[in-house]
């Protein structure tokens, strides 16, 4: 593959958000999807949607772009009845028929709710972490094709921007997600931003 061939994957970032036609006025290389670079390279990994490279006084920066309908994803997970780790809901339904279990029932319902919320956060964080790390693997494979040596590869710095199709009215969740991702990928990803797309 020649470097010129990369321009075939260059496009204006398409958010593809169902309820939001907002565009991002930035061109980047398409990484995900059947028309993305990873398909061309025949690499079967998950990935972010786009990436682009920029050189400045910090060095060679690679910006990873992920566009997600996080609100819908969280809502879908909240509505999911079963999680792999545990399913208390059937037992709680049984307890509702007993009159002397009101207090314990409230406790168990809160416990079940808290476990669900924690598991939802874990699943969301793990998906972003996986996409980011596997995107970096794909990009390193691409750079190796261009015969960039290992010492030069070490100088590349990665930054991640997650665009939200719908704003989330949960600033604490967003802050926690960002901080946990930074902790998970410390020393690999320099900075993480979570940005809502406004119509």
C-alpha atoms as a PDB file:
ATOM      1  CA  UNK A   1       0.000   0.000   0.000  1.00  0.00           C
ATOM      2  CA  UNK A   2       1.346   3.440  -0.885  1.00  0.00           C
ATOM      3  CA  UNK A   3       0.800   6.451   1.354  1.00  0.00           C
ATOM      4  CA  UNK A   4      -1.138   8.052  -1.507  1.00  0.00           C
ATOM      5  CA  UNK A   5      -3.598   5.148  -1.391  1.00  0.00           C
ATOM      6  CA  UNK A   6      -4.590   6.265   2.119  1.00  0.00           C
ATOM      7  CA  UNK A   7      -6.448   9.200   0.568  1.00  0.00           C
ATOM      8  CA  UNK A   8      -9.066   6.673  -0.611  1.00  0.00           C
ATOM      9  CA  UNK A   9     -10.084   6.322   3.041  1.00  0.00           C
ATOM     10  CA  UNK A  10     -10.096  10.047   3.789  1.00  0.00           C
ATOM     11  CA  UNK A  11     -13.549  11.552   4.282  1.00  0.00           C
ATOM     12  CA  UNK A  12     -15.417  14.209   6.227  1.00  0.00           C
ATOM     13  CA  UNK A  13     -16.390  12.641   9.534  1.00  0.00           C
ATOM     14  CA  UNK A  14     -19.924  11.281   9.285  1.00  0.00           C
ATOM     15  CA  UNK A  15     -21.610  11.003  12.677  1.00  0.00           C
ATOM     16  CA  UNK A  16     -24.269   8.553  11.370  1.00  0.00           C
ATOM     17  CA  UNK A  17     -26.400   9.488  14.399  1.00  0.00           C
ATOM     18  CA  UNK A  18     -30.016   8.526  13.721  1.00  0.00           C
ATOM     19  CA  UNK A  19     -31.615  11.505  15.476  1.00  0.00           C
ATOM     20  CA  UNK A  20     -28.848  14.022  14.926  1.00  0.00           C
ATOM     21  CA  UNK A  21     -27.715  15.287  11.537  1.00  0.00           C
ATOM     22  CA  UNK A  22     -24.852  17.340  13.008  1.00  0.00           C
ATOM     23  CA  UNK A  23     -21.607  16.947  11.096  1.00  0.00           C
ATOM     24  CA  UNK A  24     -18.033  17.371  12.245  1.00  0.00           C
ATOM     25  CA  UNK A  25     -16.122  19.675   9.905  1.00  0.00           C
ATOM     26  CA  UNK A  26     -12.988  17.595   9.987  1.00  0.00           C
ATOM     27  CA  UNK A  27     -11.535  15.092   7.518  1.00  0.00           C
ATOM     28  CA  UNK A  28     -10.148  11.841   8.868  1.00  0.00           C
ATOM     29  CA  UNK A  29      -9.283   8.342   7.730  1.00  0.00           C
ATOM     30  CA  UNK A  30     -12.142   5.859   7.981  1.00  0.00           C
ATOM     31  CA  UNK A  31     -11.051   2.972  10.175  1.00  0.00           C
ATOM     32  CA  UNK A  32     -14.236   1.071  10.976  1.00  0.00           C
ATOM     33  CA  UNK A  33     -16.951  -0.368   8.725  1.00  0.00           C
ATOM     34  CA  UNK A  34     -16.702  -2.375   5.494  1.00  0.00           C
ATOM     35  CA  UNK A  35     -15.232   0.641   3.704  1.00  0.00           C
ATOM     36  CA  UNK A  36     -12.645   1.287   6.432  1.00  0.00           C
ATOM     37  CA  UNK A  37      -8.924   0.627   6.577  1.00  0.00           C
ATOM     38  CA  UNK A  38      -9.215  -2.368   8.889  1.00  0.00           C
ATOM     39  CA  UNK A  39     -11.344  -4.178   6.289  1.00  0.00           C
ATOM     40  CA  UNK A  40      -8.761  -3.400   3.602  1.00  0.00           C
ATOM     41  CA  UNK A  41      -5.986  -4.683   5.887  1.00  0.00           C
ATOM     42  CA  UNK A  42      -8.105  -7.782   6.723  1.00  0.00           C
ATOM     43  CA  UNK A  43      -7.697  -7.204  10.455  1.00  0.00           C
ATOM     44  CA  UNK A  44     -10.593  -8.629  12.443  1.00  0.00           C
ATOM     45  CA  UNK A  45     -10.502  -6.328  15.465  1.00  0.00           C
ATOM     46  CA  UNK A  46     -12.920  -3.809  16.915  1.00  0.00           C
ATOM     47  CA  UNK A  47     -11.997  -0.175  16.364  1.00  0.00           C
ATOM     48  CA  UNK A  48     -12.921   3.465  16.674  1.00  0.00           C
ATOM     49  CA  UNK A  49     -14.643   5.060  13.682  1.00  0.00           C
ATOM     50  CA  UNK A  50     -11.896   7.386  12.424  1.00  0.00           C
ATOM     51  CA  UNK A  51      -8.380   8.628  13.049  1.00  0.00           C
ATOM     52  CA  UNK A  52      -6.126  11.392  11.830  1.00  0.00           C
ATOM     53  CA  UNK A  53      -2.542  12.419  12.455  1.00  0.00           C
ATOM     54  CA  UNK A  54      -1.033  15.783  13.287  1.00  0.00           C
ATOM     55  CA  UNK A  55       2.482  16.873  14.155  1.00  0.00           C
ATOM     56  CA  UNK A  56       3.143  19.642  16.664  1.00  0.00           C
ATOM     57  CA  UNK A  57       5.588  20.505  19.433  1.00  0.00           C
ATOM     58  CA  UNK A  58       4.300  17.517  21.467  1.00  0.00           C
ATOM     59  CA  UNK A  59       5.412  15.139  18.709  1.00  0.00           C
ATOM     60  CA  UNK A  60       3.400  13.017  16.287  1.00  0.00           C
ATOM     61  CA  UNK A  61      -0.178  12.899  17.551  1.00  0.00           C
ATOM     62  CA  UNK A  62      -2.800  10.426  16.403  1.00  0.00           C
ATOM     63  CA  UNK A  63      -6.369  11.377  17.209  1.00  0.00           C
ATOM     64  CA  UNK A  64      -8.871   8.525  17.514  1.00  0.00           C
ATOM     65  CA  UNK A  65     -12.509   9.446  16.917  1.00  0.00           C
ATOM     66  CA  UNK A  66     -15.390   7.355  18.248  1.00  0.00           C
ATOM     67  CA  UNK A  67     -19.019   8.344  17.638  1.00  0.00           C
ATOM     68  CA  UNK A  68     -21.594   6.692  19.843  1.00  0.00           C
ATOM     69  CA  UNK A  69     -25.234   6.836  20.837  1.00  0.00           C
ATOM     70  CA  UNK A  70     -24.289   6.276  24.472  1.00  0.00           C
ATOM     71  CA  UNK A  71     -27.717   7.270  25.770  1.00  0.00           C
ATOM     72  CA  UNK A  72     -29.435   4.582  23.718  1.00  0.00           C
ATOM     73  CA  UNK A  73     -26.746   2.041  24.628  1.00  0.00           C
ATOM     74  CA  UNK A  74     -27.242   2.687  28.368  1.00  0.00           C
ATOM     75  CA  UNK A  75     -31.060   2.607  27.997  1.00  0.00           C
ATOM     76  CA  UNK A  76     -30.835  -0.740  26.181  1.00  0.00           C
ATOM     77  CA  UNK A  77     -28.632  -2.165  28.916  1.00  0.00           C
ATOM     78  CA  UNK A  78     -30.984  -0.874  31.627  1.00  0.00           C
ATOM     79  CA  UNK A  79     -33.900  -2.624  29.912  1.00  0.00           C
ATOM     80  CA  UNK A  80     -32.000  -5.873  29.538  1.00  0.00           C
ATOM     81  CA  UNK A  81     -33.427  -8.358  32.029  1.00  0.00           C
ATOM     82  CA  UNK A  82     -30.474 -10.659  32.415  1.00  0.00           C
ATOM     83  CA  UNK A  83     -26.810 -10.002  33.060  1.00  0.00           C
ATOM     84  CA  UNK A  84     -24.255 -12.774  32.954  1.00  0.00           C
ATOM     85  CA  UNK A  85     -23.048 -12.184  36.514  1.00  0.00           C
ATOM     86  CA  UNK A  86     -26.393 -12.556  38.386  1.00  0.00           C
ATOM     87  CA  UNK A  87     -30.171 -12.391  37.966  1.00  0.00           C
ATOM     88  CA  UNK A  88     -32.032 -11.368  41.101  1.00  0.00           C
ATOM     89  CA  UNK A  89     -35.180 -10.165  39.395  1.00  0.00           C
ATOM     90  CA  UNK A  90     -36.979 -13.527  39.291  1.00  0.00           C
ATOM     91  CA  UNK A  91     -36.324 -14.069  42.998  1.00  0.00           C
ATOM     92  CA  UNK A  92     -37.549 -10.568  43.804  1.00  0.00           C
ATOM     93  CA  UNK A  93     -40.772 -11.266  41.939  1.00  0.00           C
ATOM     94  CA  UNK A  94     -41.327 -14.347  44.103  1.00  0.00           C
ATOM     95  CA  UNK A  95     -40.741 -12.383  47.296  1.00  0.00           C
ATOM     96  CA  UNK A  96     -43.377  -9.817  46.364  1.00  0.00           C
ATOM     97  CA  UNK A  97     -46.084 -12.383  47.139  1.00  0.00           C
ATOM     98  CA  UNK A  98     -44.972 -12.537  50.775  1.00  0.00           C
ATOM     99  CA  UNK A  99     -46.312  -9.885  53.198  1.00  0.00           C
ATOM    100  CA  UNK A 100     -43.520 -10.136  55.766  1.00  0.00           C
ATOM    101  CA  UNK A 101     -40.666  -9.415  53.347  1.00  0.00           C
ATOM    102  CA  UNK A 102     -41.220  -5.720  52.671  1.00  0.00           C
ATOM    103  CA  UNK A 103     -37.987  -4.407  54.228  1.00  0.00           C
ATOM    104  CA  UNK A 104     -35.715  -7.096  52.834  1.00  0.00           C
ATOM    105  CA  UNK A 105     -37.422  -6.719  49.476  1.00  0.00           C
ATOM    106  CA  UNK A 106     -36.562  -2.989  49.350  1.00  0.00           C
ATOM    107  CA  UNK A 107     -32.968  -3.770  50.283  1.00  0.00           C
ATOM    108  CA  UNK A 108     -32.658  -6.460  47.625  1.00  0.00           C
ATOM    109  CA  UNK A 109     -34.266  -4.279  44.953  1.00  0.00           C
ATOM    110  CA  UNK A 110     -31.774  -1.480  45.705  1.00  0.00           C
ATOM    111  CA  UNK A 111     -28.954  -4.017  45.709  1.00  0.00           C
ATOM    112  CA  UNK A 112     -30.087  -5.387  42.337  1.00  0.00           C
ATOM    113  CA  UNK A 113     -30.373  -1.850  40.911  1.00  0.00           C
ATOM    114  CA  UNK A 114     -26.885  -0.887  42.125  1.00  0.00           C
ATOM    115  CA  UNK A 115     -25.344  -4.060  40.702  1.00  0.00           C
ATOM    116  CA  UNK A 116     -27.020  -3.364  37.366  1.00  0.00           C
ATOM    117  CA  UNK A 117     -25.753   0.229  37.270  1.00  0.00           C
ATOM    118  CA  UNK A 118     -22.193  -0.891  38.115  1.00  0.00           C
ATOM    119  CA  UNK A 119     -22.319  -3.606  35.469  1.00  0.00           C
ATOM    120  CA  UNK A 120     -23.648  -1.182  32.846  1.00  0.00           C
ATOM    121  CA  UNK A 121     -20.780   1.233  33.577  1.00  0.00           C
ATOM    122  CA  UNK A 122     -18.277  -1.616  33.394  1.00  0.00           C
ATOM    123  CA  UNK A 123     -19.629  -2.864  30.040  1.00  0.00           C
ATOM    124  CA  UNK A 124     -19.594   0.641  28.512  1.00  0.00           C
ATOM    125  CA  UNK A 125     -16.065   1.364  29.758  1.00  0.00           C
ATOM    126  CA  UNK A 126     -14.778  -2.009  28.553  1.00  0.00           C
ATOM    127  CA  UNK A 127     -16.207  -1.440  25.061  1.00  0.00           C
ATOM    128  CA  UNK A 128     -14.469   1.958  24.719  1.00  0.00           C
ATOM    129  CA  UNK A 129     -11.217   0.581  26.114  1.00  0.00           C
ATOM    130  CA  UNK A 130     -11.300  -2.394  23.726  1.00  0.00           C
ATOM    131  CA  UNK A 131     -12.052  -0.242  20.671  1.00  0.00           C
ATOM    132  CA  UNK A 132      -9.264   2.188  21.556  1.00  0.00           C
ATOM    133  CA  UNK A 133      -6.588  -0.429  22.251  1.00  0.00           C
ATOM    134  CA  UNK A 134      -7.444  -2.475  19.162  1.00  0.00           C
ATOM    135  CA  UNK A 135      -7.465   0.702  17.025  1.00  0.00           C
ATOM    136  CA  UNK A 136      -3.896   1.346  18.156  1.00  0.00           C
ATOM    137  CA  UNK A 137      -2.920  -2.210  17.143  1.00  0.00           C
ATOM    138  CA  UNK A 138      -4.455  -1.639  13.686  1.00  0.00           C
ATOM    139  CA  UNK A 139      -2.639   1.692  13.280  1.00  0.00           C
ATOM    140  CA  UNK A 140       0.684   0.142  14.333  1.00  0.00           C
ATOM    141  CA  UNK A 141       0.125  -2.555  11.703  1.00  0.00           C
ATOM    142  CA  UNK A 142      -0.496   0.166   9.151  1.00  0.00           C
ATOM    143  CA  UNK A 143       2.644   2.070  10.180  1.00  0.00           C
ATOM    144  CA  UNK A 144       4.706  -1.121   9.927  1.00  0.00           C
ATOM    145  CA  UNK A 145       3.536  -1.499   6.325  1.00  0.00           C
ATOM    146  CA  UNK A 146       5.172   1.892   5.721  1.00  0.00           C
ATOM    147  CA  UNK A 147       8.327   0.492   7.359  1.00  0.00           C
ATOM    148  CA  UNK A 148       8.352   2.954  10.247  1.00  0.00           C
ATOM    149  CA  UNK A 149      10.863   1.589  12.761  1.00  0.00           C
ATOM    150  CA  UNK A 150      10.086   0.710  16.369  1.00  0.00           C
ATOM    151  CA  UNK A 151      11.927   3.680  17.885  1.00  0.00           C
ATOM    152  CA  UNK A 152       9.876   6.075  15.777  1.00  0.00           C
ATOM    153  CA  UNK A 153       6.663   4.209  16.680  1.00  0.00           C
ATOM    154  CA  UNK A 154       7.392   4.874  20.352  1.00  0.00           C
ATOM    155  CA  UNK A 155       7.212   8.604  19.666  1.00  0.00           C
ATOM    156  CA  UNK A 156       3.581   8.464  18.522  1.00  0.00           C
ATOM    157  CA  UNK A 157       1.064   9.793  21.048  1.00  0.00           C
ATOM    158  CA  UNK A 158      -2.611   8.901  21.005  1.00  0.00           C
ATOM    159  CA  UNK A 159      -5.595  11.021  21.949  1.00  0.00           C
ATOM    160  CA  UNK A 160      -9.218   9.871  22.037  1.00  0.00           C
ATOM    161  CA  UNK A 161     -12.357  11.923  21.414  1.00  0.00           C
ATOM    162  CA  UNK A 162     -15.748  10.310  21.997  1.00  0.00           C
ATOM    163  CA  UNK A 163     -18.634  12.177  20.364  1.00  0.00           C
ATOM    164  CA  UNK A 164     -22.084  11.543  21.847  1.00  0.00           C
ATOM    165  CA  UNK A 165     -25.040  11.502  19.459  1.00  0.00           C
ATOM    166  CA  UNK A 166     -27.341  12.591  22.278  1.00  0.00           C
ATOM    167  CA  UNK A 167     -26.289  14.675  25.301  1.00  0.00           C
ATOM    168  CA  UNK A 168     -26.377  12.804  28.601  1.00  0.00           C
ATOM    169  CA  UNK A 169     -27.756  14.628  31.621  1.00  0.00           C
ATOM    170  CA  UNK A 170     -25.391  12.690  33.843  1.00  0.00           C
ATOM    171  CA  UNK A 171     -22.189  14.749  34.192  1.00  0.00           C
ATOM    172  CA  UNK A 172     -20.914  12.527  37.028  1.00  0.00           C
ATOM    173  CA  UNK A 173     -21.218   9.419  34.825  1.00  0.00           C
ATOM    174  CA  UNK A 174     -19.322  11.187  32.012  1.00  0.00           C
ATOM    175  CA  UNK A 175     -16.571  12.394  34.367  1.00  0.00           C
ATOM    176  CA  UNK A 176     -16.248   8.950  35.942  1.00  0.00           C
ATOM    177  CA  UNK A 177     -16.118   7.262  32.539  1.00  0.00           C
ATOM    178  CA  UNK A 178     -13.429   9.666  31.325  1.00  0.00           C
ATOM    179  CA  UNK A 179     -11.324   9.281  34.497  1.00  0.00           C
ATOM    180  CA  UNK A 180     -11.630   5.481  34.514  1.00  0.00           C
ATOM    181  CA  UNK A 181     -10.642   5.261  30.845  1.00  0.00           C
ATOM    182  CA  UNK A 182      -7.651   7.531  31.516  1.00  0.00           C
ATOM    183  CA  UNK A 183      -6.626   5.234  34.355  1.00  0.00           C
ATOM    184  CA  UNK A 184      -7.160   2.075  32.252  1.00  0.00           C
ATOM    185  CA  UNK A 185      -5.002   3.381  29.394  1.00  0.00           C
ATOM    186  CA  UNK A 186      -2.450   5.436  31.314  1.00  0.00           C
ATOM    187  CA  UNK A 187       0.836   5.704  29.434  1.00  0.00           C
ATOM    188  CA  UNK A 188      -0.842   4.734  26.155  1.00  0.00           C
ATOM    189  CA  UNK A 189      -3.524   7.379  25.555  1.00  0.00           C
ATOM    190  CA  UNK A 190      -2.429  10.930  26.387  1.00  0.00           C
ATOM    191  CA  UNK A 191      -5.849  12.542  26.649  1.00  0.00           C
ATOM    192  CA  UNK A 192      -9.545  11.650  26.458  1.00  0.00           C
ATOM    193  CA  UNK A 193     -12.433  13.986  25.653  1.00  0.00           C
ATOM    194  CA  UNK A 194     -16.155  13.194  25.700  1.00  0.00           C
ATOM    195  CA  UNK A 195     -18.068  15.724  23.613  1.00  0.00           C
ATOM    196  CA  UNK A 196     -21.859  15.864  23.054  1.00  0.00           C
ATOM    197  CA  UNK A 197     -22.885  16.673  19.488  1.00  0.00           C
ATOM    198  CA  UNK A 198     -25.319  19.580  19.494  1.00  0.00           C
ATOM    199  CA  UNK A 199     -27.939  19.799  16.788  1.00  0.00           C
END
